[in-house]
């Protein structure tokens, strides 16, 4: 979907055409769900938060003024809902948070080619599990900006628009998040190349 097509759909929704919101939902539902899942680490909660994000976006679309990309505006809504959810979880006793199940992983990663050797598949699974544990160990404010950068591919400026942080603060948090994640994965014995290379170079791209 081009930016022009996206803006045309938004104008139609703002004019009262509710059906025009469906293509926007289809375009971003996977990205929003994946962000929520990485933030709250529970598929059922992530599904609820993703649905709430789209409902809030639909209701608030009349106030959208295209000052930033629609995706940035949408991720800001989802991020704020996830952070509010995590704060509420801290304020009341809860059962341990579940990790991603196999269905959740399948929605976020490519399905391995069955021609791969079993040893290689096991190595990939262990690395993925180790990476998830490392992300879970990060403070929410660090995990948040790192996921926006690596999972959603947002620029530092766009992450600043989502979080309300200055670009310098965003860069600092991403750098510190990568350092913490790198240290965790080194101790765990599973350090992906993309983390090692960026950590060594100071966290930038």
C-alpha atoms as a PDB file:
ATOM      1  CA  UNK A   1       0.000   0.000   0.000  1.00  0.00           C
ATOM      2  CA  UNK A   2       1.445   3.352  -1.018  1.00  0.00           C
ATOM      3  CA  UNK A   3       1.407   6.412   1.223  1.00  0.00           C
ATOM      4  CA  UNK A   4      -1.111   8.042  -1.127  1.00  0.00           C
ATOM      5  CA  UNK A   5      -3.452   5.040  -0.953  1.00  0.00           C
ATOM      6  CA  UNK A   6      -3.127   4.989   2.826  1.00  0.00           C
ATOM      7  CA  UNK A   7      -3.987   8.677   3.153  1.00  0.00           C
ATOM      8  CA  UNK A   8      -6.945   8.218   0.788  1.00  0.00           C
ATOM      9  CA  UNK A   9      -8.308   5.456   3.041  1.00  0.00           C
ATOM     10  CA  UNK A  10      -7.818   7.624   6.116  1.00  0.00           C
ATOM     11  CA  UNK A  11      -9.742  10.485   4.511  1.00  0.00           C
ATOM     12  CA  UNK A  12     -12.571   8.092   3.648  1.00  0.00           C
ATOM     13  CA  UNK A  13     -12.749   6.866   7.240  1.00  0.00           C
ATOM     14  CA  UNK A  14     -12.722  10.444   8.500  1.00  0.00           C
ATOM     15  CA  UNK A  15     -15.611  11.167   6.125  1.00  0.00           C
ATOM     16  CA  UNK A  16     -17.702   8.372   7.627  1.00  0.00           C
ATOM     17  CA  UNK A  17     -16.788   5.350   5.485  1.00  0.00           C
ATOM     18  CA  UNK A  18     -16.150   2.764   8.214  1.00  0.00           C
ATOM     19  CA  UNK A  19     -15.394   0.011   5.676  1.00  0.00           C
ATOM     20  CA  UNK A  20     -12.292   1.910   4.527  1.00  0.00           C
ATOM     21  CA  UNK A  21     -10.613   1.101   7.854  1.00  0.00           C
ATOM     22  CA  UNK A  22     -10.451  -2.626   7.029  1.00  0.00           C
ATOM     23  CA  UNK A  23      -7.465  -2.352   4.611  1.00  0.00           C
ATOM     24  CA  UNK A  24      -5.570  -0.331   7.228  1.00  0.00           C
ATOM     25  CA  UNK A  25      -6.240  -3.012   9.827  1.00  0.00           C
ATOM     26  CA  UNK A  26      -5.093  -5.732   7.430  1.00  0.00           C
ATOM     27  CA  UNK A  27      -1.899  -3.843   6.588  1.00  0.00           C
ATOM     28  CA  UNK A  28      -0.808  -3.340  10.203  1.00  0.00           C
ATOM     29  CA  UNK A  29      -2.469  -6.031  12.318  1.00  0.00           C
ATOM     30  CA  UNK A  30       0.554  -8.364  12.261  1.00  0.00           C
ATOM     31  CA  UNK A  31       3.037  -5.616  13.142  1.00  0.00           C
ATOM     32  CA  UNK A  32       0.879  -4.311  15.994  1.00  0.00           C
ATOM     33  CA  UNK A  33       0.280  -7.809  17.363  1.00  0.00           C
ATOM     34  CA  UNK A  34       3.990  -8.671  17.206  1.00  0.00           C
ATOM     35  CA  UNK A  35       4.891  -5.467  19.048  1.00  0.00           C
ATOM     36  CA  UNK A  36       2.302  -6.171  21.755  1.00  0.00           C
ATOM     37  CA  UNK A  37       3.434  -9.792  22.056  1.00  0.00           C
ATOM     38  CA  UNK A  38       7.072  -8.812  22.528  1.00  0.00           C
ATOM     39  CA  UNK A  39       6.073  -6.210  25.103  1.00  0.00           C
ATOM     40  CA  UNK A  40       3.666  -8.219  27.276  1.00  0.00           C
ATOM     41  CA  UNK A  41       4.906 -11.752  26.433  1.00  0.00           C
ATOM     42  CA  UNK A  42       1.477 -13.359  26.553  1.00  0.00           C
ATOM     43  CA  UNK A  43      -0.392 -14.200  23.302  1.00  0.00           C
ATOM     44  CA  UNK A  44      -3.880 -13.727  24.754  1.00  0.00           C
ATOM     45  CA  UNK A  45      -3.018 -10.361  26.318  1.00  0.00           C
ATOM     46  CA  UNK A  46      -1.238  -9.298  23.128  1.00  0.00           C
ATOM     47  CA  UNK A  47      -4.315 -10.132  21.064  1.00  0.00           C
ATOM     48  CA  UNK A  48      -6.525  -8.097  23.379  1.00  0.00           C
ATOM     49  CA  UNK A  49      -4.142  -5.143  23.348  1.00  0.00           C
ATOM     50  CA  UNK A  50      -3.791  -5.235  19.566  1.00  0.00           C
ATOM     51  CA  UNK A  51      -7.567  -5.196  19.157  1.00  0.00           C
ATOM     52  CA  UNK A  52      -7.841  -2.362  21.661  1.00  0.00           C
ATOM     53  CA  UNK A  53      -5.163  -0.454  19.735  1.00  0.00           C
ATOM     54  CA  UNK A  54      -7.103  -0.644  16.484  1.00  0.00           C
ATOM     55  CA  UNK A  55     -10.362   0.253  18.197  1.00  0.00           C
ATOM     56  CA  UNK A  56      -8.744   3.289  19.796  1.00  0.00           C
ATOM     57  CA  UNK A  57      -7.140   4.241  16.478  1.00  0.00           C
ATOM     58  CA  UNK A  58     -10.475   3.969  14.668  1.00  0.00           C
ATOM     59  CA  UNK A  59     -12.234   6.107  17.257  1.00  0.00           C
ATOM     60  CA  UNK A  60      -9.435   8.656  17.269  1.00  0.00           C
ATOM     61  CA  UNK A  61      -8.816   8.836  13.536  1.00  0.00           C
ATOM     62  CA  UNK A  62     -10.780  12.060  13.290  1.00  0.00           C
ATOM     63  CA  UNK A  63      -7.973  13.735  15.263  1.00  0.00           C
ATOM     64  CA  UNK A  64      -5.192  12.289  13.073  1.00  0.00           C
ATOM     65  CA  UNK A  65      -3.517  15.098  11.127  1.00  0.00           C
ATOM     66  CA  UNK A  66      -0.781  13.198   9.241  1.00  0.00           C
ATOM     67  CA  UNK A  67       1.992  15.012  11.111  1.00  0.00           C
ATOM     68  CA  UNK A  68       3.717  11.624  11.276  1.00  0.00           C
ATOM     69  CA  UNK A  69       3.243   8.382   9.377  1.00  0.00           C
ATOM     70  CA  UNK A  70       0.044   6.529  10.218  1.00  0.00           C
ATOM     71  CA  UNK A  71       2.125   3.534  11.337  1.00  0.00           C
ATOM     72  CA  UNK A  72       4.046   5.715  13.814  1.00  0.00           C
ATOM     73  CA  UNK A  73       0.785   7.097  15.201  1.00  0.00           C
ATOM     74  CA  UNK A  74      -0.649   3.578  15.466  1.00  0.00           C
ATOM     75  CA  UNK A  75       2.457   2.136  17.151  1.00  0.00           C
ATOM     76  CA  UNK A  76       2.332   4.994  19.655  1.00  0.00           C
ATOM     77  CA  UNK A  77      -1.197   3.970  20.614  1.00  0.00           C
ATOM     78  CA  UNK A  78      -0.220   0.303  20.923  1.00  0.00           C
ATOM     79  CA  UNK A  79       2.948   1.116  22.863  1.00  0.00           C
ATOM     80  CA  UNK A  80       1.117   3.279  25.379  1.00  0.00           C
ATOM     81  CA  UNK A  81      -1.522   0.598  25.926  1.00  0.00           C
ATOM     82  CA  UNK A  82       1.183  -2.026  26.494  1.00  0.00           C
ATOM     83  CA  UNK A  83       3.102   0.159  28.936  1.00  0.00           C
ATOM     84  CA  UNK A  84      -0.107   0.930  30.850  1.00  0.00           C
ATOM     85  CA  UNK A  85      -0.858  -2.806  30.956  1.00  0.00           C
ATOM     86  CA  UNK A  86       2.619  -3.591  32.323  1.00  0.00           C
ATOM     87  CA  UNK A  87       2.276  -0.902  34.999  1.00  0.00           C
ATOM     88  CA  UNK A  88      -1.052  -2.372  36.088  1.00  0.00           C
ATOM     89  CA  UNK A  89       0.514  -5.839  36.241  1.00  0.00           C
ATOM     90  CA  UNK A  90       3.179  -4.522  38.611  1.00  0.00           C
ATOM     91  CA  UNK A  91       0.540  -3.085  40.928  1.00  0.00           C
ATOM     92  CA  UNK A  92      -1.298  -6.346  41.508  1.00  0.00           C
ATOM     93  CA  UNK A  93      -0.254  -9.982  42.143  1.00  0.00           C
ATOM     94  CA  UNK A  94      -0.126 -11.995  38.950  1.00  0.00           C
ATOM     95  CA  UNK A  95       0.834 -15.432  37.787  1.00  0.00           C
ATOM     96  CA  UNK A  96       4.192 -15.689  35.982  1.00  0.00           C
ATOM     97  CA  UNK A  97       4.013 -14.298  32.470  1.00  0.00           C
ATOM     98  CA  UNK A  98       3.963 -16.911  29.750  1.00  0.00           C
ATOM     99  CA  UNK A  99       6.558 -16.966  26.995  1.00  0.00           C
ATOM    100  CA  UNK A 100       5.625 -17.176  23.323  1.00  0.00           C
ATOM    101  CA  UNK A 101       4.105 -20.443  22.258  1.00  0.00           C
ATOM    102  CA  UNK A 102       4.854 -22.118  18.947  1.00  0.00           C
ATOM    103  CA  UNK A 103       1.960 -20.361  17.213  1.00  0.00           C
ATOM    104  CA  UNK A 104       3.246 -16.997  18.374  1.00  0.00           C
ATOM    105  CA  UNK A 105       6.740 -17.716  17.090  1.00  0.00           C
ATOM    106  CA  UNK A 106       5.412 -18.853  13.745  1.00  0.00           C
ATOM    107  CA  UNK A 107       3.722 -15.494  13.260  1.00  0.00           C
ATOM    108  CA  UNK A 108       6.988 -13.667  13.782  1.00  0.00           C
ATOM    109  CA  UNK A 109       9.623 -15.841  12.146  1.00  0.00           C
ATOM    110  CA  UNK A 110       9.961 -17.624   8.864  1.00  0.00           C
ATOM    111  CA  UNK A 111       9.063 -21.316   8.879  1.00  0.00           C
ATOM    112  CA  UNK A 112      12.332 -23.268   8.662  1.00  0.00           C
ATOM    113  CA  UNK A 113      12.981 -25.222   5.473  1.00  0.00           C
ATOM    114  CA  UNK A 114      12.614 -28.925   6.285  1.00  0.00           C
ATOM    115  CA  UNK A 115      15.752 -29.602   4.259  1.00  0.00           C
ATOM    116  CA  UNK A 116      17.814 -27.975   7.018  1.00  0.00           C
ATOM    117  CA  UNK A 117      19.783 -30.301   9.244  1.00  0.00           C
ATOM    118  CA  UNK A 118      18.185 -31.077  12.646  1.00  0.00           C
ATOM    119  CA  UNK A 119      21.264 -29.771  14.439  1.00  0.00           C
ATOM    120  CA  UNK A 120      20.885 -26.399  12.696  1.00  0.00           C
ATOM    121  CA  UNK A 121      17.186 -26.194  13.564  1.00  0.00           C
ATOM    122  CA  UNK A 122      17.950 -26.947  17.204  1.00  0.00           C
ATOM    123  CA  UNK A 123      20.609 -24.242  17.242  1.00  0.00           C
ATOM    124  CA  UNK A 124      18.165 -21.722  15.796  1.00  0.00           C
ATOM    125  CA  UNK A 125      15.495 -22.659  18.337  1.00  0.00           C
ATOM    126  CA  UNK A 126      17.918 -22.314  21.242  1.00  0.00           C
ATOM    127  CA  UNK A 127      19.092 -18.927  19.960  1.00  0.00           C
ATOM    128  CA  UNK A 128      15.496 -17.710  19.565  1.00  0.00           C
ATOM    129  CA  UNK A 129      14.591 -18.867  23.072  1.00  0.00           C
ATOM    130  CA  UNK A 130      17.719 -17.261  24.506  1.00  0.00           C
ATOM    131  CA  UNK A 131      16.964 -14.004  22.689  1.00  0.00           C
ATOM    132  CA  UNK A 132      13.437 -13.957  24.084  1.00  0.00           C
ATOM    133  CA  UNK A 133      14.744 -14.534  27.610  1.00  0.00           C
ATOM    134  CA  UNK A 134      17.200 -11.695  27.105  1.00  0.00           C
ATOM    135  CA  UNK A 135      14.451  -9.353  25.897  1.00  0.00           C
ATOM    136  CA  UNK A 136      12.276 -10.357  28.846  1.00  0.00           C
ATOM    137  CA  UNK A 137      15.119  -9.460  31.214  1.00  0.00           C
ATOM    138  CA  UNK A 138      15.371  -5.895  29.877  1.00  0.00           C
ATOM    139  CA  UNK A 139      13.564  -3.070  31.698  1.00  0.00           C
ATOM    140  CA  UNK A 140      10.346  -2.211  29.777  1.00  0.00           C
ATOM    141  CA  UNK A 141      11.612   1.211  28.663  1.00  0.00           C
ATOM    142  CA  UNK A 142      14.695  -0.394  27.078  1.00  0.00           C
ATOM    143  CA  UNK A 143      12.810  -3.322  25.557  1.00  0.00           C
ATOM    144  CA  UNK A 144      10.257  -0.902  24.114  1.00  0.00           C
ATOM    145  CA  UNK A 145      12.672   1.241  22.083  1.00  0.00           C
ATOM    146  CA  UNK A 146      14.732  -1.762  20.953  1.00  0.00           C
ATOM    147  CA  UNK A 147      11.636  -3.521  19.600  1.00  0.00           C
ATOM    148  CA  UNK A 148      10.488  -0.392  17.780  1.00  0.00           C
ATOM    149  CA  UNK A 149      13.920  -0.208  16.156  1.00  0.00           C
ATOM    150  CA  UNK A 150      14.555  -3.876  15.363  1.00  0.00           C
ATOM    151  CA  UNK A 151      11.051  -5.332  15.013  1.00  0.00           C
ATOM    152  CA  UNK A 152       9.216  -2.392  13.449  1.00  0.00           C
ATOM    153  CA  UNK A 153      12.190  -0.775  11.704  1.00  0.00           C
ATOM    154  CA  UNK A 154      11.408   2.756  12.874  1.00  0.00           C
ATOM    155  CA  UNK A 155      13.994   5.520  12.661  1.00  0.00           C
ATOM    156  CA  UNK A 156      15.285   7.256  15.789  1.00  0.00           C
ATOM    157  CA  UNK A 157      13.080  10.263  14.993  1.00  0.00           C
ATOM    158  CA  UNK A 158      10.009   8.060  14.561  1.00  0.00           C
ATOM    159  CA  UNK A 159      10.727   6.241  17.814  1.00  0.00           C
ATOM    160  CA  UNK A 160      10.956   9.658  19.449  1.00  0.00           C
ATOM    161  CA  UNK A 161       7.530  10.490  18.024  1.00  0.00           C
ATOM    162  CA  UNK A 162       6.115   7.242  19.422  1.00  0.00           C
ATOM    163  CA  UNK A 163       7.669   7.561  22.874  1.00  0.00           C
ATOM    164  CA  UNK A 164       7.856  11.328  23.320  1.00  0.00           C
ATOM    165  CA  UNK A 165      11.647  11.098  23.851  1.00  0.00           C
ATOM    166  CA  UNK A 166      14.380  13.210  22.291  1.00  0.00           C
ATOM    167  CA  UNK A 167      16.385  11.486  19.543  1.00  0.00           C
ATOM    168  CA  UNK A 168      19.502  11.533  21.711  1.00  0.00           C
ATOM    169  CA  UNK A 169      17.662   9.767  24.523  1.00  0.00           C
ATOM    170  CA  UNK A 170      16.310   7.206  22.054  1.00  0.00           C
ATOM    171  CA  UNK A 171      19.809   6.463  20.754  1.00  0.00           C
ATOM    172  CA  UNK A 172      21.154   6.193  24.293  1.00  0.00           C
ATOM    173  CA  UNK A 173      18.428   3.776  25.375  1.00  0.00           C
ATOM    174  CA  UNK A 174      18.865   1.609  22.294  1.00  0.00           C
ATOM    175  CA  UNK A 175      22.619   1.493  22.840  1.00  0.00           C
ATOM    176  CA  UNK A 176      22.183   0.576  26.517  1.00  0.00           C
ATOM    177  CA  UNK A 177      19.507  -2.002  25.622  1.00  0.00           C
ATOM    178  CA  UNK A 178      21.859  -3.673  23.125  1.00  0.00           C
ATOM    179  CA  UNK A 179      24.682  -3.646  25.684  1.00  0.00           C
ATOM    180  CA  UNK A 180      22.478  -5.276  28.319  1.00  0.00           C
ATOM    181  CA  UNK A 181      21.119  -7.802  25.816  1.00  0.00           C
ATOM    182  CA  UNK A 182      24.617  -8.550  24.534  1.00  0.00           C
ATOM    183  CA  UNK A 183      25.888  -9.165  28.072  1.00  0.00           C
ATOM    184  CA  UNK A 184      22.949 -11.445  28.845  1.00  0.00           C
ATOM    185  CA  UNK A 185      23.357 -13.491  25.666  1.00  0.00           C
ATOM    186  CA  UNK A 186      27.113 -13.804  26.110  1.00  0.00           C
ATOM    187  CA  UNK A 187      26.518 -15.287  29.556  1.00  0.00           C
ATOM    188  CA  UNK A 188      23.807 -17.516  28.071  1.00  0.00           C
ATOM    189  CA  UNK A 189      26.098 -18.670  25.265  1.00  0.00           C
ATOM    190  CA  UNK A 190      23.841 -17.550  22.378  1.00  0.00           C
ATOM    191  CA  UNK A 191      24.912 -14.246  20.841  1.00  0.00           C
ATOM    192  CA  UNK A 192      23.449 -13.486  17.363  1.00  0.00           C
ATOM    193  CA  UNK A 193      25.790 -11.700  14.959  1.00  0.00           C
ATOM    194  CA  UNK A 194      23.460  -8.695  14.495  1.00  0.00           C
ATOM    195  CA  UNK A 195      23.607  -7.883  18.202  1.00  0.00           C
ATOM    196  CA  UNK A 196      27.347  -8.461  18.555  1.00  0.00           C
ATOM    197  CA  UNK A 197      28.246  -6.274  15.564  1.00  0.00           C
ATOM    198  CA  UNK A 198      26.024  -3.366  16.641  1.00  0.00           C
ATOM    199  CA  UNK A 199      27.157  -3.554  20.243  1.00  0.00           C
ATOM    200  CA  UNK A 200      30.781  -3.368  19.186  1.00  0.00           C
ATOM    201  CA  UNK A 201      30.064  -0.433  16.851  1.00  0.00           C
ATOM    202  CA  UNK A 202      28.291   1.522  19.556  1.00  0.00           C
ATOM    203  CA  UNK A 203      24.723   0.565  18.847  1.00  0.00           C
ATOM    204  CA  UNK A 204      24.222   2.401  15.572  1.00  0.00           C
ATOM    205  CA  UNK A 205      23.382   1.340  12.062  1.00  0.00           C
END
